[in-house]
Amino acid sequence: MVHLDNGFDKDLYDFNLGVLKDNGAKWDMIGMSLYPYWALDGGFRTDEDQVITDCNDGHCKGVFYWEEH
């Protein structure tokens, strides 16, 4: 499992998971922390379904919400 915060930030996930993948790391699930309050405060979308869809596109088999506040 790979754990990342800011589940609303697709670029963060694409970058970090891309680096891991390019360097041979393997994982079967992503632990995602999502903080809707901070996402809205920063002007990001908070549509969890879209975030999961984005994350599943080539990166993993599933997403586990690690924490959500």
Protein backbone atom coordinates (compact mmCIF):
# COMPACT_ATOMS: atom_id res chain seq x y z
CA MET A 1 0.00 0.00 0.00
CA VAL A 2 1.13 3.51 -0.83
CA HIS A 3 -0.28 6.31 1.34
CA LEU A 4 -0.60 9.89 0.09
CA ASP A 5 -2.49 12.88 1.43
CA ASN A 6 -4.42 15.54 -0.48
CA GLY A 7 -6.71 13.10 -2.27
CA PHE A 8 -8.13 16.02 -4.24
CA ASP A 9 -4.78 16.72 -6.00
CA LYS A 10 -4.55 14.55 -9.13
CA ASP A 11 -1.16 16.00 -10.11
CA LEU A 12 0.31 14.99 -6.73
CA TYR A 13 -0.86 11.41 -7.24
CA ASP A 14 0.25 11.25 -10.88
CA PHE A 15 3.72 12.55 -10.01
CA ASN A 16 4.41 10.44 -6.92
CA LEU A 17 2.91 7.22 -8.26
CA GLY A 18 4.66 7.77 -11.59
CA VAL A 19 8.05 8.10 -9.86
CA LEU A 20 7.40 4.95 -7.85
CA LYS A 21 6.28 3.03 -10.93
CA ASP A 22 9.25 4.24 -13.00
CA ASN A 23 11.58 2.95 -10.28
CA GLY A 24 10.04 -0.51 -10.06
CA ALA A 25 7.89 -0.10 -6.96
CA LYS A 26 4.85 -2.35 -6.76
CA TRP A 27 1.62 -1.86 -4.84
CA ASP A 28 -1.91 -3.12 -5.04
CA MET A 29 -3.75 -0.36 -3.21
CA ILE A 30 -3.49 3.33 -2.43
CA GLY A 31 -4.27 4.74 1.00
CA MET A 32 -5.75 8.17 0.40
CA SER A 33 -6.15 10.94 2.96
CA LEU A 34 -8.74 13.49 1.95
CA TYR A 35 -9.52 16.70 3.80
CA PRO A 36 -12.52 18.36 2.09
CA TYR A 37 -12.28 21.51 4.22
CA TRP A 38 -8.71 22.22 3.08
CA ALA A 39 -9.54 21.24 -0.49
CA LEU A 40 -12.37 23.75 -0.64
CA ASP A 41 -10.22 26.39 1.07
CA GLY A 42 -7.56 25.87 -1.61
CA GLY A 43 -10.05 25.97 -4.47
CA PHE A 44 -9.79 22.26 -5.31
CA ARG A 45 -12.72 20.01 -6.14
CA THR A 46 -13.76 17.45 -3.56
CA ASP A 47 -15.56 14.89 -5.72
CA GLU A 48 -14.21 11.69 -4.17
CA ASP A 49 -15.64 9.49 -6.93
CA GLN A 50 -13.71 11.42 -9.58
CA VAL A 51 -10.53 11.39 -7.49
CA ILE A 52 -10.74 7.61 -7.18
CA THR A 53 -11.42 7.23 -10.90
CA ASP A 54 -8.42 9.44 -11.68
CA CYS A 55 -6.23 7.48 -9.28
CA ASN A 56 -7.28 4.10 -10.67
CA ASP A 57 -6.31 5.10 -14.21
CA GLY A 58 -3.14 3.04 -14.52
CA HIS A 59 -1.90 3.36 -10.93
CA CYS A 60 -3.58 0.70 -8.83
CA LYS A 61 -6.34 -1.81 -8.37
CA GLY A 62 -8.11 0.08 -5.61
CA VAL A 63 -8.19 3.05 -3.29
CA PHE A 64 -8.65 2.88 0.45
CA TYR A 65 -9.70 6.04 2.27
CA TRP A 66 -7.05 6.24 4.95
CA GLU A 67 -8.71 9.15 6.70
CA GLU A 68 -11.25 11.77 5.79
CA HIS A 69 -12.06 14.85 7.80
